[in-house]
Amino acid sequence: MIKSSFWQRIERISSLLYKTFMFVVVVGLMVYAMPKGIYFKYEFQKGKPWLHNDLIAPFDFAILKSKEEIEKETNDIKQSTSAYFIFNDSLTASVIDQYKDSVQKFSTIRRGAAQGVSVFGEQLLSQVLKQGIVKYEPDFFINHPNAQQITLIKDNIATPKNYDELYTLKTALDTLNSIVLSSRYRYLASRLSGIFFKILTPNVEYDSQLTDKVLNERLDNIVKSRGFVTKNSRIISRGEVVEGQRLNVLVSLERVYESQTWNDSNYWWVILGYAMILSTIVFGLGFYIYLYYKPVFFNNKKITFILIAYTCVVMLNVITILYNEAWIYAVPICILPLVVRSFTSSRLGLYTFIFCMTTVALIVPNTKINQWCEIYIVQTSLAYKR
């Protein structure tokens, strides 16, 4: 008899510890899932009246430009920022030296004519190289498909230039060959053309790093605000239409709230607050079941089932609000009392639903809470009548 009483006591204690553990786990999961940032508590729509009380600026903040305006400025800067090309002047001397060496190897012309050909070719090459022969850069055409104006850096001096004014290897060779054919040295055209083809090298190269650096500097200098609102100034009054400057100020204030971050101290205060409120709700549900439904309370399977169903419905609402709060009305929260009623009683199902509604109400936006409660209370009432 004593043994039996001892094991019964152990069983009751272990059952109580199990239930306590389950309630603590439920509270922990809900605290973990609850949003912990700072949110703008007012909702508004463009062109609609302001439905709240007069809004006073809680602090100084800047009036931010809209995303469309910033995107437009960004695109304008990208289109107006010219590409940078580097002029390599050292290649000119190298190309001319190679040309001289090649001409000196001519064995079919006399020395005086060879000297004339050398001077003639040097002048042609100097003229073409001075204009610039651009190296083909796929990155340039990918990033600047319609670019015409570029910036040419020569001797550390940046000069605006039209891209079409530069030679390519093909146009440079065509120009040189054309001039040779119209000169008195046209009988050497084929030989000079071979030399030009062999020695000619692009001396203008696209500098992607410098271009990106200049572009990023200009993008970083974009001013993202266009005004200032001082603390305690009136932003909008009840009934005023949300449009124009009022809309810009409200959007700016909302962004300021969304961009604020919690420090460690504030964060843990939020955790503590959630833990206290949710513990009160969840353990309140458990205490209600203990007082009025002792058979359910002492049945571990039923109490576990109720807590799992309760947690799943709350989590589904939390995920929906975090993803898209407009879908909060579509969450099947009314299934909770119906399921609980099927395995216990109608009254317990109703009270479980009330505790669940109280939990979810912590994160439902203020402007949606009234309509949200009305929808689910009416739906639940209809379901119970059936």
Protein backbone atom coordinates (compact mmCIF):
# COMPACT_ATOMS: atom_id res chain seq x y z
CA MET A 1 0.00 0.00 0.00
CA ILE A 2 2.82 2.33 0.92
CA LYS A 3 4.66 1.41 -2.29
CA SER A 4 1.59 2.05 -4.36
CA SER A 5 1.08 5.46 -2.73
CA PHE A 6 4.75 6.32 -3.29
CA TRP A 7 4.65 5.52 -7.00
CA GLN A 8 1.39 7.40 -7.42
CA ARG A 9 3.02 10.45 -5.88
CA ILE A 10 6.02 10.10 -8.20
CA GLU A 11 3.67 9.76 -11.15
CA ARG A 12 1.75 12.92 -10.17
CA ILE A 13 4.97 14.88 -9.70
CA SER A 14 6.41 13.70 -13.04
CA SER A 15 3.10 14.52 -14.75
CA LEU A 16 3.13 18.02 -13.25
CA LEU A 17 6.77 18.51 -14.27
CA TYR A 18 5.92 17.38 -17.80
CA LYS A 19 3.05 19.88 -18.05
CA THR A 20 5.22 22.66 -16.64
CA PHE A 21 7.91 21.82 -19.19
CA MET A 22 5.35 21.88 -22.02
CA PHE A 23 3.99 25.28 -20.96
CA VAL A 24 7.51 26.71 -20.67
CA VAL A 25 8.42 25.38 -24.14
CA VAL A 26 5.27 26.94 -25.63
CA VAL A 27 6.10 30.30 -24.05
CA GLY A 28 9.71 30.05 -25.23
CA LEU A 29 8.68 29.29 -28.82
CA MET A 30 6.24 32.19 -28.91
CA VAL A 31 8.75 34.64 -27.43
CA TYR A 32 11.29 33.52 -30.02
CA ALA A 33 8.82 33.96 -32.90
CA MET A 34 7.40 37.33 -31.86
CA PRO A 35 8.68 40.37 -33.82
CA LYS A 36 11.11 42.37 -31.71
CA GLY A 37 11.80 45.44 -33.84
CA ILE A 38 10.34 48.94 -33.76
CA TYR A 39 7.27 49.35 -35.95
CA PHE A 40 5.33 52.39 -37.07
CA LYS A 41 1.99 51.94 -35.31
CA TYR A 42 -0.09 53.96 -37.78
CA GLU A 43 -1.40 52.80 -41.12
CA PHE A 44 -2.33 55.04 -44.00
CA GLN A 45 -3.14 54.93 -47.69
CA LYS A 46 -2.37 57.43 -50.40
CA GLY A 47 -5.42 59.56 -51.24
CA LYS A 48 -7.36 58.39 -48.15
CA PRO A 49 -8.23 60.46 -45.03
CA TRP A 50 -6.04 60.20 -41.94
CA LEU A 51 -8.10 58.08 -39.52
CA HIS A 52 -6.03 58.63 -36.38
CA ASN A 53 -5.62 61.54 -34.00
CA ASP A 54 -3.39 64.46 -34.89
CA LEU A 55 0.15 63.18 -35.44
CA ILE A 56 2.93 65.20 -33.82
CA ALA A 57 6.57 64.64 -34.73
CA PRO A 58 8.13 62.64 -31.85
CA PHE A 59 11.65 63.71 -32.82
CA ASP A 60 13.58 65.56 -35.52
CA PHE A 61 13.83 63.67 -38.78
CA ALA A 62 14.59 64.29 -42.44
CA ILE A 63 12.01 64.12 -45.21
CA LEU A 64 13.30 61.33 -47.39
CA LYS A 65 12.98 61.14 -51.13
CA SER A 66 10.83 58.38 -52.56
CA LYS A 67 12.36 55.21 -53.98
CA GLU A 68 11.28 56.30 -57.46
CA GLU A 69 13.11 59.63 -57.12
CA ILE A 70 16.30 57.98 -55.88
CA GLU A 71 16.14 55.38 -58.65
CA LYS A 72 15.68 58.15 -61.24
CA GLU A 73 18.68 60.08 -59.87
CA THR A 74 20.71 56.87 -59.80
CA ASN A 75 19.86 56.09 -63.43
CA ASP A 76 20.61 59.68 -64.48
CA ILE A 77 24.03 59.51 -62.81
CA LYS A 78 24.80 56.17 -64.43
CA GLN A 79 23.90 57.54 -67.85
CA SER A 80 25.75 60.84 -67.38
CA THR A 81 28.94 59.39 -65.90
CA SER A 82 31.38 58.97 -68.74
CA ALA A 83 33.75 56.05 -69.07
CA TYR A 84 37.44 56.68 -68.37
CA PHE A 85 40.17 55.68 -70.82
CA ILE A 86 43.92 55.82 -70.22
CA PHE A 87 46.24 57.08 -72.99
CA ASN A 88 49.57 55.19 -72.98
CA ASP A 89 52.03 57.59 -74.62
CA SER A 90 55.01 55.26 -74.16
CA LEU A 91 53.69 52.94 -76.87
CA THR A 92 54.12 55.62 -79.54
CA ALA A 93 57.92 55.59 -79.33
CA SER A 94 57.98 51.79 -79.24
CA VAL A 95 55.85 51.48 -82.40
CA ILE A 96 57.93 54.05 -84.30
CA ASP A 97 61.19 52.30 -83.34
CA GLN A 98 59.81 49.02 -84.64
CA TYR A 99 58.79 50.75 -87.86
CA LYS A 100 62.32 52.17 -88.36
CA ASP A 101 63.88 48.77 -87.85
CA SER A 102 61.50 47.21 -90.37
CA VAL A 103 62.13 49.89 -93.03
CA GLN A 104 65.91 49.53 -92.69
CA LYS A 105 65.52 45.92 -93.80
CA PHE A 106 64.16 46.99 -97.19
CA SER A 107 66.72 45.74 -99.72
CA THR A 108 65.03 46.69 -102.97
CA ILE A 109 65.09 50.46 -102.58
CA ARG A 110 68.02 52.83 -102.43
CA ARG A 111 69.20 54.43 -99.20
CA GLY A 112 67.73 57.90 -99.90
CA ALA A 113 64.31 56.46 -100.71
CA ALA A 114 64.45 54.29 -97.58
CA GLN A 115 65.09 57.36 -95.48
CA GLY A 116 62.10 59.11 -97.11
CA VAL A 117 59.86 56.11 -96.47
CA SER A 118 61.02 56.05 -92.85
CA VAL A 119 60.18 59.72 -92.27
CA PHE A 120 56.88 59.38 -94.13
CA GLY A 121 55.82 56.37 -92.05
CA GLU A 122 56.91 57.99 -88.78
CA GLN A 123 54.70 60.98 -89.47
CA LEU A 124 51.74 58.79 -90.35
CA LEU A 125 52.13 56.63 -87.27
CA SER A 126 52.64 59.63 -84.99
CA GLN A 127 49.48 61.24 -86.36
CA VAL A 128 47.35 58.13 -85.90
CA LEU A 129 48.79 57.23 -82.49
CA LYS A 130 48.39 60.80 -81.29
CA GLN A 131 44.69 60.58 -82.10
CA GLY A 132 44.54 57.31 -80.15
CA ILE A 133 43.88 53.68 -81.01
CA VAL A 134 41.41 52.20 -78.59
CA LYS A 135 41.62 48.63 -77.44
CA TYR A 136 38.43 46.63 -77.84
CA GLU A 137 36.89 46.14 -74.38
CA PRO A 138 33.77 43.96 -74.09
CA ASP A 139 33.12 45.29 -70.57
CA PHE A 140 32.86 48.82 -71.89
CA PHE A 141 30.20 47.93 -74.43
CA ILE A 142 28.29 45.84 -71.88
CA ASN A 143 28.24 48.57 -69.22
CA HIS A 144 27.95 51.51 -71.64
CA PRO A 145 25.99 50.25 -74.67
CA ASN A 146 25.03 53.75 -75.85
CA ALA A 147 28.06 55.71 -74.63
CA GLN A 148 29.46 58.37 -76.95
CA GLN A 149 31.14 60.81 -74.60
CA ILE A 150 34.19 59.49 -72.74
CA THR A 151 36.96 60.95 -70.62
CA LEU A 152 40.50 60.44 -71.92
CA ILE A 153 43.32 60.72 -69.39
CA LYS A 154 46.63 61.71 -70.92
CA ASP A 155 49.59 62.89 -68.82
CA ASN A 156 47.26 62.98 -65.78
CA ILE A 157 44.95 65.41 -67.55
CA ALA A 158 41.33 64.37 -68.09
CA THR A 159 39.82 65.55 -71.38
CA PRO A 160 36.25 64.95 -72.59
CA LYS A 161 36.29 63.21 -75.95
CA ASN A 162 33.91 61.57 -78.36
CA TYR A 163 34.43 57.83 -78.56
CA ASP A 164 34.06 57.91 -82.35
CA GLU A 165 37.11 60.20 -82.59
CA LEU A 166 39.34 57.31 -81.53
CA TYR A 167 40.67 54.79 -83.99
CA THR A 168 40.20 51.08 -83.68
CA LEU A 169 42.89 48.78 -85.04
CA LYS A 170 40.85 48.22 -88.17
CA THR A 171 40.10 51.89 -88.84
CA ALA A 172 43.72 52.84 -88.04
CA LEU A 173 45.06 50.29 -90.56
CA ASP A 174 42.51 51.39 -93.17
CA THR A 175 43.50 55.03 -92.69
CA LEU A 176 47.23 54.31 -92.95
CA ASN A 177 46.81 52.13 -96.04
CA SER A 178 44.58 54.74 -97.70
CA ILE A 179 47.14 57.49 -97.16
CA VAL A 180 49.97 55.29 -98.44
CA LEU A 181 47.99 54.44 -101.61
CA SER A 182 47.47 58.13 -102.34
CA SER A 183 51.13 59.02 -101.77
CA ARG A 184 54.23 58.65 -103.91
CA TYR A 185 55.14 55.55 -101.98
CA ARG A 186 52.12 53.60 -103.19
CA TYR A 187 54.38 51.07 -104.87
CA LEU A 188 55.38 50.00 -101.32
CA ALA A 189 51.78 49.80 -100.14
CA SER A 190 51.68 46.05 -99.62
CA ARG A 191 54.96 45.97 -97.70
CA LEU A 192 54.07 48.97 -95.54
CA SER A 193 50.63 47.50 -94.89
CA GLY A 194 52.27 44.33 -93.57
CA ILE A 195 54.53 46.37 -91.30
CA PHE A 196 51.64 48.42 -89.97
CA PHE A 197 49.62 45.29 -89.32
CA LYS A 198 52.50 43.75 -87.42
CA ILE A 199 53.58 46.66 -85.21
CA LEU A 200 50.41 48.65 -84.64
CA THR A 201 49.22 48.37 -81.02
CA PRO A 202 46.29 50.07 -79.22
CA ASN A 203 47.49 52.87 -76.94
CA VAL A 204 44.10 53.74 -75.36
CA GLU A 205 42.63 51.34 -72.83
CA TYR A 206 39.38 51.37 -70.88
CA ASP A 207 39.93 51.77 -67.11
CA SER A 208 36.99 49.96 -65.51
CA GLN A 209 38.28 50.44 -61.95
CA LEU A 210 38.56 54.20 -62.27
CA THR A 211 35.16 54.39 -63.98
CA ASP A 212 33.51 52.37 -61.23
CA LYS A 213 35.25 54.45 -58.55
CA VAL A 214 34.00 57.74 -60.01
CA LEU A 215 30.50 56.29 -60.47
CA ASN A 216 30.34 54.98 -56.90
CA GLU A 217 31.54 58.32 -55.54
CA ARG A 218 28.77 60.12 -57.40
CA LEU A 219 26.19 57.58 -56.26
CA ASP A 220 27.34 57.93 -52.65
CA ASN A 221 26.87 61.69 -52.89
CA ILE A 222 23.18 61.38 -53.76
CA VAL A 223 21.20 63.40 -51.23
CA LYS A 224 18.42 61.13 -50.00
CA SER A 225 16.46 63.82 -48.19
CA ARG A 226 14.90 67.12 -49.22
CA GLY A 227 13.72 68.79 -46.05
CA PHE A 228 13.51 68.53 -42.30
CA VAL A 229 10.76 68.11 -39.71
CA THR A 230 11.39 69.40 -36.21
CA LYS A 231 10.23 67.77 -33.00
CA ASN A 232 6.69 68.59 -31.78
CA SER A 233 5.61 70.00 -35.15
CA ARG A 234 2.24 68.85 -36.50
CA ILE A 235 2.54 66.34 -39.31
CA ILE A 236 -1.12 65.66 -40.14
CA SER A 237 -4.52 66.15 -38.51
CA ARG A 238 -7.40 63.75 -38.28
CA GLY A 239 -9.49 63.76 -41.48
CA GLU A 240 -6.83 65.33 -43.69
CA VAL A 241 -6.14 63.54 -46.97
CA VAL A 242 -2.85 61.66 -47.14
CA GLU A 243 -1.21 63.06 -50.27
CA GLY A 244 1.58 65.32 -51.46
CA GLN A 245 3.91 66.64 -48.78
CA ARG A 246 1.95 64.95 -45.98
CA LEU A 247 2.43 61.57 -47.66
CA ASN A 248 6.17 62.18 -48.05
CA VAL A 249 6.53 63.13 -44.38
CA LEU A 250 4.56 60.08 -43.21
CA VAL A 251 6.58 57.73 -45.40
CA SER A 252 9.79 59.32 -44.11
CA LEU A 253 8.71 58.88 -40.48
CA GLU A 254 7.77 55.26 -41.16
CA ARG A 255 11.19 54.58 -42.69
CA VAL A 256 12.91 56.16 -39.69
CA TYR A 257 11.03 53.79 -37.37
CA GLU A 258 11.88 50.79 -39.55
CA SER A 259 15.56 51.73 -39.72
CA GLN A 260 16.00 52.09 -35.96
CA THR A 261 17.85 49.25 -34.26
CA TRP A 262 17.71 47.97 -30.72
CA ASN A 263 20.71 47.96 -28.44
CA ASP A 264 21.34 44.97 -26.18
CA SER A 265 19.59 46.55 -23.20
CA ASN A 266 16.39 47.39 -25.09
CA TYR A 267 16.39 44.01 -26.78
CA TRP A 268 16.42 42.09 -23.50
CA TRP A 269 13.73 44.34 -22.06
CA VAL A 270 11.52 43.42 -25.03
CA ILE A 271 12.25 39.73 -24.46
CA LEU A 272 11.38 40.08 -20.78
CA GLY A 273 8.14 41.90 -21.60
CA TYR A 274 7.06 39.26 -24.11
CA ALA A 275 7.96 36.50 -21.66
CA MET A 276 5.86 38.04 -18.89
CA ILE A 277 2.80 38.69 -21.07
CA LEU A 278 2.88 35.32 -22.83
CA SER A 279 3.52 33.46 -19.59
CA THR A 280 0.44 35.12 -18.10
CA ILE A 281 -1.68 34.09 -21.09
CA VAL A 282 -0.40 30.53 -21.50
CA PHE A 283 -0.27 29.66 -17.80
CA GLY A 284 -3.66 31.35 -17.42
CA LEU A 285 -5.04 28.88 -19.95
CA GLY A 286 -3.45 26.05 -18.00
CA PHE A 287 -4.86 27.31 -14.70
CA TYR A 288 -8.35 27.59 -16.23
CA ILE A 289 -8.15 23.99 -17.46
CA TYR A 290 -6.94 22.88 -14.01
CA LEU A 291 -9.84 24.60 -12.24
CA TYR A 292 -12.72 23.56 -14.49
CA TYR A 293 -11.48 20.59 -16.52
CA LYS A 294 -9.34 18.51 -14.19
CA PRO A 295 -9.76 15.28 -16.25
CA VAL A 296 -8.35 17.11 -19.27
CA PHE A 297 -5.57 18.71 -17.21
CA PHE A 298 -4.39 15.38 -15.79
CA ASN A 299 -4.53 13.71 -19.20
CA ASN A 300 -1.09 14.39 -20.69
CA LYS A 301 -2.19 13.47 -24.20
CA LYS A 302 -5.08 15.93 -24.25
CA ILE A 303 -3.15 18.79 -22.67
CA THR A 304 -0.30 18.20 -25.14
CA PHE A 305 -2.73 18.19 -28.04
CA ILE A 306 -4.32 21.48 -26.91
CA LEU A 307 -0.93 23.17 -26.49
CA ILE A 308 0.33 21.96 -29.88
CA ALA A 309 -2.82 23.16 -31.64
CA TYR A 310 -2.65 26.47 -29.77
CA THR A 311 1.02 26.97 -30.66
CA CYS A 312 0.53 26.07 -34.32
CA VAL A 313 -2.27 28.59 -34.78
CA VAL A 314 -0.28 31.37 -33.08
CA MET A 315 2.83 30.58 -35.12
CA LEU A 316 0.83 30.60 -38.34
CA ASN A 317 -0.47 34.06 -37.51
CA VAL A 318 3.01 35.33 -36.62
CA ILE A 319 4.49 34.05 -39.89
CA THR A 320 1.62 35.54 -41.88
CA ILE A 321 2.00 38.98 -40.26
CA LEU A 322 5.76 38.98 -40.78
CA TYR A 323 5.39 37.94 -44.42
CA ASN A 324 2.35 40.02 -45.44
CA GLU A 325 0.02 41.43 -42.79
CA ALA A 326 -2.75 41.91 -45.36
CA TRP A 327 -3.26 38.13 -45.32
CA ILE A 328 -4.02 38.03 -41.58
CA TYR A 329 -7.74 37.68 -42.31
CA ALA A 330 -7.11 34.48 -44.29
CA VAL A 331 -5.48 32.55 -41.43
CA PRO A 332 -7.85 29.72 -40.36
CA ILE A 333 -7.74 30.57 -36.66
CA CYS A 334 -11.36 29.45 -36.22
CA ILE A 335 -10.29 25.86 -36.69
CA LEU A 336 -8.74 25.88 -33.21
CA PRO A 337 -11.99 25.96 -31.14
CA LEU A 338 -13.60 23.44 -33.47
CA VAL A 339 -10.73 20.98 -33.08
CA VAL A 340 -10.54 21.43 -29.31
CA ARG A 341 -14.32 21.05 -29.02
CA SER A 342 -14.16 17.75 -30.91
CA PHE A 343 -11.89 16.19 -28.27
CA THR A 344 -12.99 17.98 -25.10
CA SER A 345 -15.95 20.36 -24.80
CA SER A 346 -17.42 23.43 -26.49
CA ARG A 347 -16.68 25.72 -23.58
CA LEU A 348 -13.02 24.70 -23.39
CA GLY A 349 -12.73 25.18 -27.15
CA LEU A 350 -14.17 28.68 -26.84
CA TYR A 351 -11.86 29.67 -23.99
CA THR A 352 -8.85 28.25 -25.80
CA PHE A 353 -9.85 30.38 -28.78
CA ILE A 354 -10.11 33.48 -26.56
CA PHE A 355 -6.64 32.91 -25.10
CA CYS A 356 -5.27 32.37 -28.62
CA MET A 357 -6.93 35.58 -29.86
CA THR A 358 -5.36 37.45 -26.96
CA THR A 359 -1.93 36.15 -27.91
CA VAL A 360 -2.24 36.98 -31.60
CA ALA A 361 -3.68 40.42 -30.77
CA LEU A 362 -0.22 41.37 -29.45
CA ILE A 363 1.15 41.54 -33.00
CA VAL A 364 -1.90 42.41 -35.13
CA PRO A 365 -1.58 46.01 -36.46
CA ASN A 366 -3.67 48.51 -34.51
CA THR A 367 -5.74 49.55 -37.51
CA LYS A 368 -6.69 45.94 -38.25
CA ILE A 369 -7.41 44.72 -34.73
CA ASN A 370 -11.11 45.70 -34.57
CA GLN A 371 -12.02 44.23 -37.94
CA TRP A 372 -9.86 41.18 -37.24
CA CYS A 373 -11.65 40.44 -33.96
CA GLU A 374 -15.08 40.99 -35.48
CA ILE A 375 -14.40 38.62 -38.37
CA TYR A 376 -13.17 35.75 -36.23
CA ILE A 377 -15.73 36.16 -33.44
CA VAL A 378 -18.60 36.12 -35.98
CA GLN A 379 -17.11 33.13 -37.80
CA THR A 380 -16.64 31.21 -34.56
CA SER A 381 -20.18 31.98 -33.43
CA LEU A 382 -21.55 30.69 -36.72
CA ALA A 383 -19.40 27.58 -36.49
CA TYR A 384 -20.69 26.85 -32.97
CA LYS A 385 -24.31 27.27 -34.04
CA ARG A 386 -23.84 24.59 -36.64
